[in-house]
Protein backbone atom coordinates (compact mmCIF):
# COMPACT_ATOMS: atom_id res chain seq x y z
CA VAL A 1 0.00 0.00 0.00
CA ASP A 2 2.82 2.42 0.88
CA LEU A 3 4.46 1.74 -2.47
CA TRP A 4 1.34 2.87 -4.32
CA LYS A 5 1.02 6.01 -2.20
CA GLN A 6 4.61 6.95 -2.97
CA ALA A 7 4.25 6.12 -6.65
CA GLU A 8 1.03 8.06 -7.11
CA MET A 9 2.78 10.60 -9.34
CA LEU A 10 3.49 7.86 -11.89
CA TYR A 11 -0.25 7.39 -12.28
CA LYS A 12 -0.91 11.13 -12.58
CA GLU A 13 1.88 12.06 -15.00
CA LYS A 14 0.74 10.31 -18.18
CA GLU A 15 2.16 13.05 -20.37
CA GLU A 16 5.60 12.85 -18.76
CA ILE A 17 5.79 9.11 -18.02
CA ILE A 18 8.48 8.26 -20.58
CA GLY A 19 10.76 10.91 -19.08
CA LEU A 20 10.04 9.65 -15.57
CA LEU A 21 10.81 6.08 -16.60
CA GLU A 22 14.08 7.19 -18.19
CA TYR A 23 14.95 8.98 -14.93
CA ILE A 24 14.22 5.77 -12.99
CA ASN A 25 16.61 3.95 -15.33
CA ILE A 26 19.31 6.53 -14.62
CA ILE A 27 18.91 5.94 -10.89
CA LEU A 28 19.02 2.17 -11.41
CA TYR A 29 22.15 2.50 -13.56
CA GLU A 30 23.86 4.63 -10.91
CA ASN A 31 23.02 1.97 -8.31
CA LEU A 32 24.42 -0.67 -10.65
CA LEU A 33 27.71 1.21 -10.84
CA LYS A 34 27.89 1.38 -7.04
CA ASP A 35 26.71 -2.14 -6.23
CA ASN A 36 27.23 -4.18 -9.44
CA ASN A 37 24.18 -6.31 -8.68
CA ILE A 38 22.15 -8.14 -11.36
CA LYS A 39 18.92 -6.93 -9.77
CA TYR A 40 19.58 -3.46 -11.19
CA ILE A 41 20.07 -4.80 -14.71
CA ASN A 42 16.83 -6.76 -14.41
CA SER A 43 15.08 -3.66 -13.09
CA VAL A 44 16.20 -1.62 -16.12
CA ARG A 45 14.71 -4.33 -18.34
CA ILE A 46 11.41 -4.11 -16.44
CA VAL A 47 11.31 -0.34 -16.95
CA GLU A 48 12.11 -0.72 -20.66
CA GLU A 49 9.30 -3.29 -21.05
CA THR A 50 6.92 -0.84 -19.42
CA LYS A 51 7.98 1.94 -21.78
CA LYS A 52 7.28 -0.33 -24.74
CA ARG A 53 3.85 -1.25 -23.40
CA ILE A 54 2.89 2.36 -22.80
CA MET A 55 4.10 3.43 -26.24
CA ALA A 56 2.05 0.57 -27.74
CA ASN A 57 -1.07 2.02 -26.05
CA SER A 58 -1.46 -0.70 -23.46
CA ASN A 59 -3.67 0.06 -20.48
CA TYR A 60 -1.74 2.77 -18.66
CA ASP A 61 -2.75 1.98 -15.07
CA MET A 62 -2.16 -1.73 -15.55
CA SER A 63 1.27 -1.05 -17.05
CA ILE A 64 2.23 1.06 -14.03
CA ASP A 65 0.81 -1.57 -11.64
CA ASN A 66 2.89 -4.23 -13.39
CA LEU A 67 5.99 -2.04 -13.28
CA LEU A 68 5.68 -1.40 -9.55
CA LEU A 69 5.03 -5.03 -8.68
CA LYS A 70 7.88 -6.38 -10.79
CA LEU A 71 10.34 -3.74 -9.54
CA TRP A 72 9.40 -4.41 -5.94
CA GLU A 73 9.83 -8.15 -6.44
CA GLU A 74 13.19 -7.72 -8.16
CA LEU A 75 14.64 -5.25 -5.68
CA HIS A 76 13.34 -6.98 -2.55
CA GLU A 77 13.68 -10.63 -3.59
CA GLY A 78 16.80 -11.17 -1.50
CA ASN A 79 15.07 -9.78 1.58
CA ILE A 80 12.14 -12.15 1.15
CA ARG A 81 14.27 -15.26 0.82
CA SER A 82 16.55 -14.53 3.75
């Protein structure tokens, strides 16, 4: 629930979403350079898939829902298993 509250701007910024997703990728890339963890590479792929879906006129809210769920799973997977 907290994730959706924090990510509310992604739902509201339909006009600027591609720019926001590119910014997210920049942050993920910077984290990759610091940590060199495969989870950041996988996260960039998730964001790129979302960009493709949105540009192909997929359901916007569902695309953002999918993005948030997959990113959360990828970035927190190690915490769940340990």
